[in-house]
Amino acid sequence: MSRICGFRGHDCLKIGVGMMTRGEVALIVSQKGLAEGIISSVYFTSVILLIIVSSISTPLILKFLYSKDRKTSGDTPGKAAA
């Protein structure tokens, strides 16, 4: 989707990783499925684990991606542009 909007390369990756944490949506949908008997409690547990892992890993991955960009552009925090 980000390519359709004109983003390229590394920026598409950042957008995709940033959208990875959608835990509240997955939690609501899985709760409704559990309540209606569509999914079993085994799958509900897997969804909860997925939400926890993605919620923890997304900021870490984004920090890595943005620090990688900073290193390649030569920008350092605290330095004013001339």
N, C-alpha and C. Protein backbone atom coordinates (compact mmCIF):
# COMPACT_ATOMS: atom_id res chain seq x y z
N MET A 1 0.82 -1.19 0.00
CA MET A 1 0.00 0.00 0.00
C MET A 1 0.86 1.26 0.00
N SER A 2 1.98 1.21 0.71
CA SER A 2 2.82 2.40 0.77
C SER A 2 3.46 2.70 -0.59
N ARG A 3 3.69 1.67 -1.39
CA ARG A 3 4.23 1.90 -2.74
C ARG A 3 3.22 2.63 -3.61
N ILE A 4 1.95 2.32 -3.43
CA ILE A 4 0.90 3.00 -4.19
C ILE A 4 0.88 4.49 -3.84
N CYS A 5 1.20 4.80 -2.59
CA CYS A 5 1.20 6.20 -2.14
C CYS A 5 2.50 6.92 -2.49
N GLY A 6 3.43 6.25 -3.16
CA GLY A 6 4.64 6.91 -3.64
C GLY A 6 5.89 6.68 -2.81
N PHE A 7 5.82 5.87 -1.77
CA PHE A 7 7.01 5.59 -0.97
C PHE A 7 7.83 4.50 -1.64
N ARG A 8 9.13 4.52 -1.43
CA ARG A 8 10.02 3.55 -2.05
C ARG A 8 10.97 2.95 -1.02
N GLY A 9 11.44 1.75 -1.32
CA GLY A 9 12.52 1.11 -0.59
C GLY A 9 12.34 1.01 0.91
N HIS A 10 13.29 1.61 1.60
CA HIS A 10 13.39 1.51 3.06
C HIS A 10 12.20 2.18 3.75
N ASP A 11 11.64 3.20 3.14
CA ASP A 11 10.48 3.87 3.73
C ASP A 11 9.27 2.94 3.76
N CYS A 12 9.11 2.09 2.74
CA CYS A 12 8.02 1.12 2.73
C CYS A 12 8.17 0.14 3.89
N LEU A 13 9.39 -0.27 4.17
CA LEU A 13 9.65 -1.18 5.27
C LEU A 13 9.28 -0.55 6.61
N LYS A 14 9.65 0.71 6.79
CA LYS A 14 9.32 1.41 8.04
C LYS A 14 7.81 1.53 8.22
N ILE A 15 7.10 1.83 7.17
CA ILE A 15 5.64 1.95 7.26
C ILE A 15 5.02 0.59 7.59
N GLY A 16 5.49 -0.46 6.95
CA GLY A 16 4.97 -1.80 7.21
C GLY A 16 5.22 -2.25 8.64
N VAL A 17 6.42 -2.02 9.13
CA VAL A 17 6.74 -2.40 10.52
C VAL A 17 5.93 -1.56 11.49
N GLY A 18 5.76 -0.29 11.20
CA GLY A 18 4.98 0.57 12.08
C GLY A 18 3.52 0.16 12.17
N MET A 19 3.00 -0.46 11.14
CA MET A 19 1.62 -0.92 11.14
C MET A 19 1.48 -2.33 11.71
N MET A 20 2.58 -2.94 12.07
CA MET A 20 2.56 -4.32 12.55
C MET A 20 1.81 -4.45 13.87
N THR A 21 1.88 -3.49 14.73
CA THR A 21 1.22 -3.56 16.02
C THR A 21 -0.23 -3.11 15.87
N ARG A 22 -1.08 -4.06 15.72
CA ARG A 22 -2.51 -3.80 15.65
C ARG A 22 -3.21 -4.68 16.67
N GLY A 23 -2.64 -4.76 17.86
CA GLY A 23 -3.10 -5.68 18.89
C GLY A 23 -4.53 -5.48 19.32
N GLU A 24 -4.96 -4.23 19.41
CA GLU A 24 -6.32 -4.00 19.90
C GLU A 24 -7.35 -4.55 18.93
N VAL A 25 -7.10 -4.47 17.64
CA VAL A 25 -8.02 -5.00 16.64
C VAL A 25 -8.05 -6.52 16.72
N ALA A 26 -6.87 -7.14 16.79
CA ALA A 26 -6.80 -8.60 16.88
C ALA A 26 -7.45 -9.10 18.17
N LEU A 27 -7.28 -8.37 19.24
CA LEU A 27 -7.87 -8.77 20.52
C LEU A 27 -9.39 -8.71 20.46
N ILE A 28 -9.93 -7.66 19.91
CA ILE A 28 -11.39 -7.52 19.82
C ILE A 28 -11.99 -8.59 18.93
N VAL A 29 -11.37 -8.81 17.78
CA VAL A 29 -11.89 -9.82 16.85
C VAL A 29 -11.81 -11.21 17.46
N SER A 30 -10.69 -11.52 18.11
CA SER A 30 -10.55 -12.85 18.70
C SER A 30 -11.50 -13.04 19.89
N GLN A 31 -11.75 -11.99 20.67
CA GLN A 31 -12.72 -12.10 21.76
C GLN A 31 -14.12 -12.37 21.24
N LYS A 32 -14.48 -11.68 20.16
CA LYS A 32 -15.80 -11.92 19.56
C LYS A 32 -15.89 -13.34 19.02
N GLY A 33 -14.82 -13.81 18.38
CA GLY A 33 -14.80 -15.18 17.86
C GLY A 33 -14.89 -16.20 18.96
N LEU A 34 -14.21 -15.96 20.07
CA LEU A 34 -14.27 -16.86 21.22
C LEU A 34 -15.67 -16.87 21.83
N ALA A 35 -16.28 -15.70 21.96
CA ALA A 35 -17.61 -15.60 22.54
C ALA A 35 -18.67 -16.29 21.68
N GLU A 36 -18.50 -16.23 20.37
CA GLU A 36 -19.46 -16.84 19.45
C GLU A 36 -19.17 -18.31 19.19
N GLY A 37 -18.05 -18.81 19.71
CA GLY A 37 -17.70 -20.22 19.51
C GLY A 37 -17.05 -20.51 18.17
N ILE A 38 -16.61 -19.46 17.48
CA ILE A 38 -15.98 -19.63 16.17
C ILE A 38 -14.54 -20.14 16.33
N ILE A 39 -13.84 -19.66 17.35
CA ILE A 39 -12.48 -20.13 17.61
C ILE A 39 -12.42 -20.74 19.01
N SER A 40 -11.44 -21.62 19.20
CA SER A 40 -11.30 -22.25 20.51
C SER A 40 -10.33 -21.45 21.38
N SER A 41 -10.28 -21.79 22.65
CA SER A 41 -9.42 -21.06 23.57
C SER A 41 -7.94 -21.27 23.24
N VAL A 42 -7.60 -22.37 22.58
CA VAL A 42 -6.20 -22.60 22.18
C VAL A 42 -5.76 -21.53 21.19
N TYR A 43 -6.61 -21.21 20.22
CA TYR A 43 -6.28 -20.18 19.24
C TYR A 43 -6.29 -18.79 19.88
N PHE A 44 -7.18 -18.58 20.83
CA PHE A 44 -7.24 -17.30 21.52
C PHE A 44 -5.93 -17.04 22.26
N THR A 45 -5.38 -18.07 22.89
CA THR A 45 -4.09 -17.95 23.58
C THR A 45 -2.99 -17.59 22.59
N SER A 46 -3.02 -18.19 21.42
CA SER A 46 -2.02 -17.87 20.39
C SER A 46 -2.13 -16.42 19.94
N VAL A 47 -3.34 -15.92 19.83
CA VAL A 47 -3.54 -14.52 19.44
C VAL A 47 -2.99 -13.58 20.51
N ILE A 48 -3.22 -13.91 21.77
CA ILE A 48 -2.71 -13.08 22.86
C ILE A 48 -1.18 -13.06 22.83
N LEU A 49 -0.56 -14.22 22.61
CA LEU A 49 0.91 -14.27 22.51
C LEU A 49 1.42 -13.46 21.33
N LEU A 50 0.72 -13.53 20.21
CA LEU A 50 1.09 -12.74 19.03
C LEU A 50 1.01 -11.25 19.33
N ILE A 51 -0.03 -10.83 20.02
CA ILE A 51 -0.19 -9.42 20.38
C ILE A 51 0.96 -8.95 21.27
N ILE A 52 1.32 -9.77 22.25
CA ILE A 52 2.40 -9.40 23.17
C ILE A 52 3.73 -9.30 22.43
N VAL A 53 4.03 -10.31 21.61
CA VAL A 53 5.31 -10.32 20.88
C VAL A 53 5.40 -9.15 19.91
N SER A 54 4.34 -8.89 19.17
CA SER A 54 4.39 -7.79 18.20
C SER A 54 4.42 -6.42 18.89
N SER A 55 3.77 -6.30 20.04
CA SER A 55 3.79 -5.04 20.76
C SER A 55 5.17 -4.72 21.33
N ILE A 56 5.91 -5.75 21.68
CA ILE A 56 7.26 -5.54 22.21
C ILE A 56 8.28 -5.37 21.09
N SER A 57 8.13 -6.15 20.02
CA SER A 57 9.15 -6.13 18.97
C SER A 57 9.04 -4.93 18.02
N THR A 58 7.86 -4.41 17.80
CA THR A 58 7.70 -3.31 16.84
C THR A 58 8.53 -2.08 17.18
N PRO A 59 8.50 -1.56 18.39
CA PRO A 59 9.34 -0.39 18.69
C PRO A 59 10.83 -0.68 18.56
N LEU A 60 11.23 -1.90 18.92
CA LEU A 60 12.64 -2.26 18.81
C LEU A 60 13.10 -2.29 17.35
N ILE A 61 12.27 -2.87 16.49
CA ILE A 61 12.61 -2.93 15.07
C ILE A 61 12.62 -1.54 14.46
N LEU A 62 11.63 -0.71 14.81
CA LEU A 62 11.60 0.66 14.30
C LEU A 62 12.81 1.47 14.74
N LYS A 63 13.22 1.30 15.99
CA LYS A 63 14.41 1.99 16.48
C LYS A 63 15.63 1.58 15.66
N PHE A 64 15.75 0.30 15.37
CA PHE A 64 16.86 -0.19 14.55
C PHE A 64 16.82 0.41 13.15
N LEU A 65 15.64 0.42 12.53
CA LEU A 65 15.51 0.95 11.16
C LEU A 65 15.84 2.44 11.09
N TYR A 66 15.36 3.21 12.07
CA TYR A 66 15.63 4.64 12.06
C TYR A 66 17.07 4.96 12.44
N SER A 67 17.68 4.16 13.31
CA SER A 67 19.08 4.41 13.65
C SER A 67 19.98 4.05 12.47
N LYS A 68 19.58 3.07 11.69
CA LYS A 68 20.32 2.70 10.49
C LYS A 68 20.30 3.85 9.48
N ASP A 69 19.16 4.52 9.34
CA ASP A 69 19.05 5.68 8.45
C ASP A 69 19.93 6.82 8.94
N ARG A 70 19.96 7.04 10.23
CA ARG A 70 20.75 8.13 10.79
C ARG A 70 22.23 7.90 10.52
N LYS A 71 22.68 6.66 10.63
CA LYS A 71 24.10 6.34 10.40
C LYS A 71 24.47 6.54 8.94
N THR A 72 23.58 6.16 8.02
CA THR A 72 23.89 6.30 6.60
C THR A 72 23.83 7.74 6.12
N SER A 73 23.01 8.58 6.77
CA SER A 73 22.91 9.97 6.33
C SER A 73 23.96 10.86 6.97
N GLY A 74 24.64 10.35 8.00
CA GLY A 74 25.68 11.13 8.64
C GLY A 74 25.18 12.09 9.69
N ASP A 75 23.88 12.09 9.96
CA ASP A 75 23.32 12.97 10.98
C ASP A 75 23.65 12.41 12.37
N THR A 76 23.97 13.31 13.27
CA THR A 76 24.16 12.90 14.65
C THR A 76 23.25 13.74 15.51
N PRO A 77 22.66 13.13 16.54
CA PRO A 77 21.75 13.91 17.38
C PRO A 77 22.50 15.01 18.12
N GLY A 78 21.89 16.15 18.23
CA GLY A 78 22.49 17.25 18.95
C GLY A 78 23.33 18.19 18.09
N LYS A 79 23.58 17.81 16.85
CA LYS A 79 24.34 18.67 15.94
C LYS A 79 23.39 19.49 15.11
N ALA A 80 23.64 20.76 15.04
CA ALA A 80 22.81 21.64 14.22
C ALA A 80 23.29 21.58 12.77
N ALA A 81 22.36 21.65 11.85
CA ALA A 81 22.71 21.66 10.43
C ALA A 81 23.31 23.02 10.07
N ALA A 82 24.34 22.97 9.28
CA ALA A 82 25.01 24.22 8.90
C ALA A 82 24.38 24.84 7.67
